[in-house]
Protein backbone atom coordinates (compact mmCIF):
# COMPACT_ATOMS: atom_id res chain seq x y z
CA MET A 1 107.54 103.96 111.68
CA ASP A 2 105.40 102.14 109.10
CA GLU A 3 102.05 103.56 110.07
CA ILE A 4 101.08 106.89 111.55
CA GLY A 5 99.12 105.83 114.60
CA ASP A 6 97.17 107.77 117.16
CA LEU A 7 100.31 109.23 118.69
CA ALA A 8 100.48 112.90 119.60
CA PHE A 9 103.19 113.22 116.96
CA GLY A 10 104.17 110.81 114.23
CA PHE A 11 105.80 110.78 110.83
CA LYS A 12 106.49 108.28 108.11
CA PRO A 13 109.73 108.56 106.09
CA GLU A 14 110.33 107.11 102.65
CA ASN A 15 113.45 107.62 100.52
CA GLU A 16 114.63 110.51 102.70
CA HIS A 17 111.28 112.32 102.41
CA VAL A 18 108.43 112.67 104.86
CA VAL A 19 105.40 110.98 103.26
CA GLY A 20 103.19 110.90 106.34
CA LEU A 21 102.71 113.43 109.13
CA GLY A 22 100.40 113.31 112.12
CA LEU A 23 99.99 115.93 114.85
CA TYR A 24 97.14 115.05 117.21
CA LYS A 25 95.76 117.03 120.13
CA LYS A 26 98.58 119.58 120.08
CA GLY A 27 96.39 122.70 120.34
CA LEU A 28 97.53 123.97 116.93
CA THR A 29 95.62 127.06 115.81
CA ALA A 30 97.37 127.44 112.43
CA LEU A 31 99.64 125.54 110.08
CA PRO A 32 102.69 127.28 108.59
CA GLU A 33 102.85 128.15 104.88
CA SER A 34 106.06 126.10 104.82
CA LEU A 35 103.87 122.99 105.06
CA GLY A 36 103.57 123.29 101.28
CA SER A 37 107.24 122.40 100.91
CA LEU A 38 106.50 118.79 101.94
CA THR A 39 105.60 117.94 98.35
CA LYS A 40 106.10 114.16 98.78
CA LEU A 41 103.52 114.04 101.58
CA LYS A 42 100.81 111.39 101.04
CA GLU A 43 99.14 111.44 104.48
CA LEU A 44 98.43 114.48 106.64
CA LYS A 45 96.54 113.88 109.88
CA MET A 46 95.79 116.82 112.16
CA TRP A 47 93.01 115.51 114.42
CA ASP A 48 91.68 117.34 117.44
CA ASN A 49 93.51 120.64 117.19
CA GLN A 50 92.16 124.20 117.05
CA LEU A 51 92.74 124.92 113.35
CA THR A 52 90.43 127.58 111.92
CA LYS A 53 91.78 127.61 108.35
CA LEU A 54 94.31 125.92 106.11
CA PRO A 55 97.29 127.68 104.54
CA GLU A 56 97.08 128.36 100.79
CA SER A 57 100.29 126.38 100.41
CA ILE A 58 98.31 123.20 101.04
CA ALA A 59 97.69 123.35 97.29
CA ASN A 60 101.35 122.33 96.77
CA LEU A 61 100.74 118.92 98.36
CA THR A 62 99.74 117.36 95.06
CA ASN A 63 100.79 113.83 96.15
CA LEU A 64 98.46 113.93 99.15
CA GLU A 65 96.11 110.93 99.25
CA GLU A 66 94.70 111.27 102.76
CA LEU A 67 93.83 114.47 104.62
CA SER A 68 92.35 114.06 108.10
CA LEU A 69 91.24 117.25 109.83
CA SER A 70 88.47 116.04 112.15
CA GLY A 71 87.95 117.74 115.48
CA ASN A 72 89.16 121.20 114.52
CA LYS A 73 87.42 124.56 114.12
CA LEU A 74 87.64 124.97 110.35
CA THR A 75 85.04 127.38 109.02
CA GLU A 76 86.05 127.15 105.35
CA LEU A 77 88.33 125.38 102.89
CA PRO A 78 90.47 127.23 100.35
CA GLU A 79 89.42 126.96 96.68
CA SER A 80 92.96 125.71 96.06
CA ILE A 81 91.96 122.40 97.65
CA ALA A 82 91.17 121.42 94.05
CA ASN A 83 94.92 121.08 93.39
CA LEU A 84 95.01 117.92 95.53
CA LYS A 85 94.27 115.73 92.50
CA ASN A 86 95.43 112.50 94.18
CA LEU A 87 93.30 112.96 97.29
CA GLN A 88 91.29 109.82 98.03
CA MET A 89 90.13 110.51 101.59
CA LEU A 90 89.09 113.83 103.14
CA ASP A 91 87.94 113.76 106.76
CA LEU A 92 86.34 117.01 107.88
CA ASN A 93 84.13 115.60 110.66
CA ASP A 94 83.47 117.76 113.70
CA ASN A 95 84.46 121.19 112.39
CA LYS A 96 82.55 124.44 111.91
CA LEU A 97 82.19 124.38 108.13
CA THR A 98 79.19 126.29 106.80
CA MET A 99 79.93 125.60 103.13
CA LEU A 100 82.30 123.77 100.84
CA PRO A 101 84.10 125.42 97.92
CA GLU A 102 82.72 124.70 94.45
CA SER A 103 86.21 123.52 93.52
CA ILE A 104 85.78 120.40 95.69
CA GLY A 105 84.13 118.79 92.68
CA LYS A 106 87.53 118.68 90.96
CA LEU A 107 88.79 116.06 93.42
CA THR A 108 87.77 113.26 91.08
CA ASP A 109 89.92 110.58 92.81
CA LEU A 110 88.11 111.21 96.12
CA LYS A 111 86.56 108.01 97.48
CA TYR A 112 85.78 109.03 101.07
CA LEU A 113 84.41 112.39 102.19
CA TYR A 114 83.45 112.74 105.85
CA LEU A 115 81.38 115.78 106.82
CA ASN A 116 79.54 114.81 110.04
CA ASP A 117 79.04 117.40 112.77
CA ASN A 118 79.51 120.59 110.77
CA ASN A 119 77.24 123.58 110.17
CA LEU A 120 76.63 122.89 106.47
CA THR A 121 73.34 124.18 105.13
CA LYS A 122 73.87 123.17 101.51
CA LEU A 123 76.38 121.35 99.34
CA PRO A 124 77.90 122.61 96.07
CA GLU A 125 76.49 121.18 92.86
CA SER A 126 80.00 120.17 91.82
CA LEU A 127 79.83 117.43 94.47
CA GLY A 128 78.04 115.42 91.78
CA ASN A 129 81.36 115.19 89.92
CA LEU A 130 82.75 112.96 92.65
CA THR A 131 81.90 109.62 91.12
CA GLN A 132 84.38 107.45 93.03
């Protein structure tokens, strides 16, 4: 499959590695720590699930360029999100976020940040570091 579409489940292989993974509307409440072993992953799309937090191992996905988590129940992001140095798109629309970690300002390759329909009352000053 060349593109991860809007399927309930989809993946994109490249050179015997999974580089794209999509799990939509599957009712997931948590992601396993073993997710961090998919170190070649470039796209992770988990729309419309019931996720309340991300595993710390997400910090191991240093090749990740696109992270789509809209339509979940996330209340916070781990500080380790800063390890995703290649991240260009972060979609957090329609969650329950009340704040963002200060470390989000270290995502200097980030070009798109979607935060609609959350419970944010303020943004971290480090957001000013996102110049892309």
